[in-house]
C-alpha atoms as a PDB file:
ATOM      1  CA  GLU A   1      50.741  24.682 159.043  1.00  0.00           C
ATOM      2  CA  PHE A   2      48.633  27.534 157.611  1.00  0.00           C
ATOM      3  CA  LYS A   3      51.430  28.589 155.242  1.00  0.00           C
ATOM      4  CA  ALA A   4      51.868  25.048 153.984  1.00  0.00           C
ATOM      5  CA  LYS A   5      48.153  24.405 153.593  1.00  0.00           C
ATOM      6  CA  PHE A   6      47.446  27.572 151.632  1.00  0.00           C
ATOM      7  CA  LYS A   7      50.863  27.848 149.941  1.00  0.00           C
ATOM      8  CA  THR A   8      51.128  31.472 151.006  1.00  0.00           C
ATOM      9  CA  GLU A   9      54.596  32.011 149.527  1.00  0.00           C
ATOM     10  CA  GLU A  10      53.356  30.853 146.125  1.00  0.00           C
ATOM     11  CA  VAL A  11      50.237  33.010 146.475  1.00  0.00           C
ATOM     12  CA  ASP A  12      52.325  36.075 147.414  1.00  0.00           C
ATOM     13  CA  LYS A  13      54.535  35.585 144.335  1.00  0.00           C
ATOM     14  CA  ASN A  14      51.510  35.288 142.053  1.00  0.00           C
ATOM     15  CA  ILE A  15      49.875  38.400 143.519  1.00  0.00           C
ATOM     16  CA  ARG A  16      53.091  40.376 143.052  1.00  0.00           C
ATOM     17  CA  TYR A  17      53.447  39.089 139.470  1.00  0.00           C
ATOM     18  CA  LEU A  18      49.855  40.085 138.628  1.00  0.00           C
ATOM     19  CA  LEU A  19      50.231  43.526 140.204  1.00  0.00           C
ATOM     20  CA  ASN A  20      53.473  44.198 138.322  1.00  0.00           C
ATOM     21  CA  TYR A  21      51.831  43.006 135.110  1.00  0.00           C
ATOM     22  CA  ALA A  22      48.813  45.270 135.729  1.00  0.00           C
ATOM     23  CA  LYS A  23      51.090  48.205 136.605  1.00  0.00           C
ATOM     24  CA  ASP A  24      53.109  47.846 133.411  1.00  0.00           C
ATOM     25  CA  GLU A  25      50.085  47.429 131.130  1.00  0.00           C
ATOM     26  CA  ILE A  26      48.104  50.256 132.733  1.00  0.00           C
ATOM     27  CA  SER A  27      51.133  52.505 132.386  1.00  0.00           C
ATOM     28  CA  LYS A  28      51.103  51.856 128.623  1.00  0.00           C
ATOM     29  CA  ILE A  29      47.361  52.494 128.315  1.00  0.00           C
ATOM     30  CA  LEU A  30      47.271  55.671 130.404  1.00  0.00           C
ATOM     31  CA  LYS A  31      50.687  56.896 129.232  1.00  0.00           C
ATOM     32  CA  THR A  32      51.653  57.761 132.799  1.00  0.00           C
ATOM     33  CA  LYS A  33      54.697  56.669 134.754  1.00  0.00           C
ATOM     34  CA  PRO A  34      54.193  54.182 137.580  1.00  0.00           C
ATOM     35  CA  ILE A  35      54.897  55.507 141.059  1.00  0.00           C
ATOM     36  CA  VAL A  36      57.474  52.714 141.520  1.00  0.00           C
ATOM     37  CA  SER A  37      59.424  50.640 139.021  1.00  0.00           C
ATOM     38  CA  GLU A  38      59.107  47.378 140.965  1.00  0.00           C
ATOM     39  CA  LEU A  39      56.578  46.541 143.640  1.00  0.00           C
ATOM     40  CA  PRO A  40      57.750  45.251 147.014  1.00  0.00           C
ATOM     41  CA  GLU A  41      57.077  41.708 148.152  1.00  0.00           C
ATOM     42  CA  LYS A  42      53.861  40.828 149.986  1.00  0.00           C
ATOM     43  CA  ILE A  43      51.793  43.621 148.518  1.00  0.00           C
ATOM     44  CA  GLN A  44      48.172  43.279 147.419  1.00  0.00           C
ATOM     45  CA  PHE A  45      47.378  46.668 145.927  1.00  0.00           C
ATOM     46  CA  TYR A  46      48.886  49.351 143.754  1.00  0.00           C
ATOM     47  CA  ALA A  47      47.793  52.898 142.965  1.00  0.00           C
ATOM     48  CA  HIS A  48      48.500  54.130 139.442  1.00  0.00           C
ATOM     49  CA  PRO A  49      48.398  57.852 138.627  1.00  0.00           C
ATOM     50  CA  LEU A  50      45.677  58.963 136.238  1.00  0.00           C
ATOM     51  CA  PRO A  51      46.472  61.545 133.572  1.00  0.00           C
ATOM     52  CA  ALA A  52      44.992  64.993 134.233  1.00  0.00           C
ATOM     53  CA  ASN A  53      42.777  64.763 131.128  1.00  0.00           C
ATOM     54  CA  ILE A  54      40.877  61.699 132.404  1.00  0.00           C
ATOM     55  CA  ASN A  55      37.472  62.258 133.980  1.00  0.00           C
ATOM     56  CA  SER A  56      37.940  59.926 136.943  1.00  0.00           C
ATOM     57  CA  GLU A  57      34.264  59.759 137.908  1.00  0.00           C
ATOM     58  CA  LYS A  58      33.271  58.828 134.353  1.00  0.00           C
ATOM     59  CA  LEU A  59      36.053  56.226 134.220  1.00  0.00           C
ATOM     60  CA  LYS A  60      34.925  54.699 137.505  1.00  0.00           C
ATOM     61  CA  THR A  61      31.278  54.686 136.383  1.00  0.00           C
ATOM     62  CA  ASP A  62      32.092  53.208 132.951  1.00  0.00           C
ATOM     63  CA  LEU A  63      34.215  50.460 134.481  1.00  0.00           C
ATOM     64  CA  TYR A  64      31.343  49.444 136.717  1.00  0.00           C
ATOM     65  CA  ASP A  65      28.362  50.006 134.409  1.00  0.00           C
ATOM     66  CA  LYS A  66      29.890  48.462 131.286  1.00  0.00           C
ATOM     67  CA  TYR A  67      32.239  45.824 132.743  1.00  0.00           C
ATOM     68  CA  LYS A  68      31.130  45.283 136.375  1.00  0.00           C
ATOM     69  CA  ILE A  69      34.616  46.242 137.547  1.00  0.00           C
ATOM     70  CA  GLU A  70      34.666  48.176 140.790  1.00  0.00           C
ATOM     71  CA  ILE A  71      37.865  50.108 141.381  1.00  0.00           C
ATOM     72  CA  PRO A  72      38.424  52.923 143.856  1.00  0.00           C
ATOM     73  CA  ILE A  73      39.872  56.179 142.624  1.00  0.00           C
ATOM     74  CA  THR A  74      41.840  58.001 145.285  1.00  0.00           C
ATOM     75  CA  GLN A  75      43.546  61.366 145.445  1.00  0.00           C
ATOM     76  CA  ALA A  76      46.761  62.560 147.053  1.00  0.00           C
ATOM     77  CA  ASN A  77      48.567  65.856 146.561  1.00  0.00           C
ATOM     78  CA  GLY A  78      46.295  66.862 143.696  1.00  0.00           C
ATOM     79  CA  VAL A  79      46.856  63.639 141.730  1.00  0.00           C
ATOM     80  CA  GLU A  80      44.166  61.022 141.184  1.00  0.00           C
ATOM     81  CA  TYR A  81      45.052  57.334 141.314  1.00  0.00           C
ATOM     82  CA  LEU A  82      43.422  54.153 140.092  1.00  0.00           C
ATOM     83  CA  ARG A  83      43.734  51.619 142.933  1.00  0.00           C
ATOM     84  CA  ILE A  84      44.283  48.051 141.769  1.00  0.00           C
ATOM     85  CA  SER A  85      43.817  45.248 144.308  1.00  0.00           C
ATOM     86  CA  ILE A  86      44.799  41.645 143.662  1.00  0.00           C
ATOM     87  CA  GLN A  87      43.760  38.808 145.938  1.00  0.00           C
ATOM     88  CA  MET A  88      44.640  35.122 145.979  1.00  0.00           C
ATOM     89  CA  TYR A  89      41.600  34.250 143.827  1.00  0.00           C
ATOM     90  CA  ASN A  90      42.436  36.696 141.002  1.00  0.00           C
ATOM     91  CA  THR A  91      43.899  35.406 137.760  1.00  0.00           C
ATOM     92  CA  LYS A  92      45.805  36.822 134.807  1.00  0.00           C
ATOM     93  CA  GLU A  93      42.506  36.657 132.905  1.00  0.00           C
ATOM     94  CA  ASP A  94      40.996  39.034 135.481  1.00  0.00           C
ATOM     95  CA  VAL A  95      43.832  41.492 134.934  1.00  0.00           C
ATOM     96  CA  ASP A  96      43.554  41.099 131.155  1.00  0.00           C
ATOM     97  CA  PHE A  97      39.821  41.884 131.411  1.00  0.00           C
ATOM     98  CA  LEU A  98      40.627  45.084 133.327  1.00  0.00           C
ATOM     99  CA  ILE A  99      43.265  46.031 130.742  1.00  0.00           C
ATOM    100  CA  LYS A 100      40.798  45.399 127.901  1.00  0.00           C
ATOM    101  CA  ALA A 101      38.116  47.472 129.649  1.00  0.00           C
ATOM    102  CA  LEU A 102      40.502  50.372 130.290  1.00  0.00           C
ATOM    103  CA  THR A 103      41.710  50.286 126.693  1.00  0.00           C
ATOM    104  CA  GLU A 104      38.161  50.350 125.329  1.00  0.00           C
ATOM    105  CA  ILE A 105      37.110  53.198 127.634  1.00  0.00           C
ATOM    106  CA  ILE A 106      40.227  55.352 127.181  1.00  0.00           C
ATOM    107  CA  TYR A 107      40.407  54.948 123.399  1.00  0.00           C
ATOM    108  CA  ALA A 108      36.642  55.051 122.673  1.00  0.00           C
END
């Protein structure tokens, strides 16, 4: 009943589409390879590697101060990652706004 009411299969497909779209576009902007070529089903977040020349704290601050986008930056094995989360209420326009913000910050 829950699955039918909230169309969870449709929601899962949309989340995966938006995450793959974000992954591909962010890869172009940052000029870094994604950690996977295709995301698995039923996933709601993705961590994209940041290039070594990016000041991650400044990026995080600029995203929030200038665009009101709050994104965690994590670290594993000496590499920093931008963590993208997509929920059922996010839209392609939300992802496009993030892509625009990243482009403006990185290429300023």
